Amino acid sequence: MRFASARLTGHFSTDSTPDQAAMRRVALLEHERLEGEAARLRALAGKETQIARRVEQNLALQRLQAELTAVRARLQ
């Protein structure tokens, strides 16, 4: 668990309590989910021919990127 978060953040730290370990686990699962959703949106935006839909998908992707940044911050 700690190694997975260290790969994402570039910072290794230990969990001093079981609650911290649980929060890290939840954040890692959320990060994985958001990465999958971002990949899906990138693929859809790349295939989209209508500009309005592509813009909408890119805005959704930007929101996901902000969420990913917040999750990475929780992992440190």
C-alpha atoms as a PDB file:
ATOM      1  CA  MET A   1       0.000   0.000   0.000  1.00  0.00           C
ATOM      2  CA  ARG A   2       2.725   2.435   0.965  1.00  0.00           C
ATOM      3  CA  PHE A   3       4.748   1.530  -2.097  1.00  0.00           C
ATOM      4  CA  ALA A   4       1.783   2.198  -4.368  1.00  0.00           C
ATOM      5  CA  SER A   5       1.259   5.650  -2.912  1.00  0.00           C
ATOM      6  CA  ALA A   6       5.009   6.309  -3.069  1.00  0.00           C
ATOM      7  CA  ARG A   7       4.974   5.524  -6.785  1.00  0.00           C
ATOM      8  CA  LEU A   8       2.219   8.083  -7.297  1.00  0.00           C
ATOM      9  CA  THR A   9       3.578  10.811  -5.069  1.00  0.00           C
ATOM     10  CA  GLY A  10       7.312  10.231  -5.166  1.00  0.00           C
ATOM     11  CA  HIS A  11       7.297  10.321  -1.365  1.00  0.00           C
ATOM     12  CA  PHE A  12       7.460   7.263   0.931  1.00  0.00           C
ATOM     13  CA  SER A  13       5.875   7.497   4.362  1.00  0.00           C
ATOM     14  CA  THR A  14       4.623   5.041   6.938  1.00  0.00           C
ATOM     15  CA  ASP A  15       1.167   4.966   8.477  1.00  0.00           C
ATOM     16  CA  SER A  16       1.250   5.497  12.210  1.00  0.00           C
ATOM     17  CA  THR A  17      -2.347   4.405  12.800  1.00  0.00           C
ATOM     18  CA  PRO A  18      -4.777   1.954  11.218  1.00  0.00           C
ATOM     19  CA  ASP A  19      -7.021   4.923  10.376  1.00  0.00           C
ATOM     20  CA  GLN A  20      -4.253   6.476   8.294  1.00  0.00           C
ATOM     21  CA  ALA A  21      -3.743   3.173   6.492  1.00  0.00           C
ATOM     22  CA  ALA A  22      -7.471   2.948   5.770  1.00  0.00           C
ATOM     23  CA  MET A  23      -7.547   6.527   4.460  1.00  0.00           C
ATOM     24  CA  ARG A  24      -4.564   5.771   2.212  1.00  0.00           C
ATOM     25  CA  ARG A  25      -6.301   2.635   0.905  1.00  0.00           C
ATOM     26  CA  VAL A  26      -9.466   4.586   0.113  1.00  0.00           C
ATOM     27  CA  ALA A  27      -7.465   7.327  -1.598  1.00  0.00           C
ATOM     28  CA  LEU A  28      -5.601   4.749  -3.713  1.00  0.00           C
ATOM     29  CA  LEU A  29      -8.858   3.120  -4.790  1.00  0.00           C
ATOM     30  CA  GLU A  30     -10.325   6.508  -5.626  1.00  0.00           C
ATOM     31  CA  HIS A  31      -7.198   7.422  -7.587  1.00  0.00           C
ATOM     32  CA  GLU A  32      -7.458   4.201  -9.587  1.00  0.00           C
ATOM     33  CA  ARG A  33     -11.127   4.876 -10.340  1.00  0.00           C
ATOM     34  CA  LEU A  34     -10.436   8.454 -11.416  1.00  0.00           C
ATOM     35  CA  GLU A  35      -7.522   7.386 -13.638  1.00  0.00           C
ATOM     36  CA  GLY A  36      -9.794   4.897 -15.397  1.00  0.00           C
ATOM     37  CA  GLU A  37     -12.491   7.501 -15.890  1.00  0.00           C
ATOM     38  CA  ALA A  38      -9.930  10.000 -17.217  1.00  0.00           C
ATOM     39  CA  ALA A  39      -8.651   7.440 -19.723  1.00  0.00           C
ATOM     40  CA  ARG A  40     -12.198   6.748 -20.858  1.00  0.00           C
ATOM     41  CA  LEU A  41     -12.914  10.463 -21.317  1.00  0.00           C
ATOM     42  CA  ARG A  42      -9.667  11.000 -23.234  1.00  0.00           C
ATOM     43  CA  ALA A  43     -10.602   8.201 -25.615  1.00  0.00           C
ATOM     44  CA  LEU A  44     -14.112   9.570 -26.100  1.00  0.00           C
ATOM     45  CA  ALA A  45     -12.873  13.115 -26.669  1.00  0.00           C
ATOM     46  CA  GLY A  46     -10.365  11.872 -29.217  1.00  0.00           C
ATOM     47  CA  LYS A  47     -13.065  10.085 -31.216  1.00  0.00           C
ATOM     48  CA  GLU A  48     -15.691  12.818 -30.927  1.00  0.00           C
ATOM     49  CA  THR A  49     -16.457  14.777 -34.084  1.00  0.00           C
ATOM     50  CA  GLN A  50     -18.814  17.390 -32.650  1.00  0.00           C
ATOM     51  CA  ILE A  51     -16.951  20.300 -31.111  1.00  0.00           C
ATOM     52  CA  ALA A  52     -19.525  20.971 -28.374  1.00  0.00           C
ATOM     53  CA  ARG A  53     -19.335  17.403 -27.078  1.00  0.00           C
ATOM     54  CA  ARG A  54     -15.552  17.414 -27.282  1.00  0.00           C
ATOM     55  CA  VAL A  55     -15.439  20.630 -25.246  1.00  0.00           C
ATOM     56  CA  GLU A  56     -17.810  19.113 -22.683  1.00  0.00           C
ATOM     57  CA  GLN A  57     -15.657  15.993 -22.387  1.00  0.00           C
ATOM     58  CA  ASN A  58     -12.481  18.047 -22.051  1.00  0.00           C
ATOM     59  CA  LEU A  59     -14.069  20.114 -19.272  1.00  0.00           C
ATOM     60  CA  ALA A  60     -15.076  16.923 -17.486  1.00  0.00           C
ATOM     61  CA  LEU A  61     -11.506  15.689 -17.926  1.00  0.00           C
ATOM     62  CA  GLN A  62     -10.163  18.894 -16.353  1.00  0.00           C
ATOM     63  CA  ARG A  63     -12.461  18.369 -13.358  1.00  0.00           C
ATOM     64  CA  LEU A  64     -11.186  14.804 -13.006  1.00  0.00           C
ATOM     65  CA  GLN A  65      -7.591  16.041 -13.162  1.00  0.00           C
ATOM     66  CA  ALA A  66      -8.343  18.441 -10.296  1.00  0.00           C
ATOM     67  CA  GLU A  67      -9.840  15.571  -8.283  1.00  0.00           C
ATOM     68  CA  LEU A  68      -6.765  13.448  -9.017  1.00  0.00           C
ATOM     69  CA  THR A  69      -4.537  16.223  -7.741  1.00  0.00           C
ATOM     70  CA  ALA A  70      -6.569  16.404  -4.534  1.00  0.00           C
ATOM     71  CA  VAL A  71      -6.353  12.619  -4.074  1.00  0.00           C
ATOM     72  CA  ARG A  72      -2.575  12.676  -4.611  1.00  0.00           C
ATOM     73  CA  ALA A  73      -2.324  15.381  -1.955  1.00  0.00           C
ATOM     74  CA  ARG A  74      -4.203  13.135   0.485  1.00  0.00           C
ATOM     75  CA  LEU A  75      -1.704  10.347  -0.189  1.00  0.00           C
ATOM     76  CA  GLN A  76       1.260  12.384   1.017  1.00  0.00           C
END
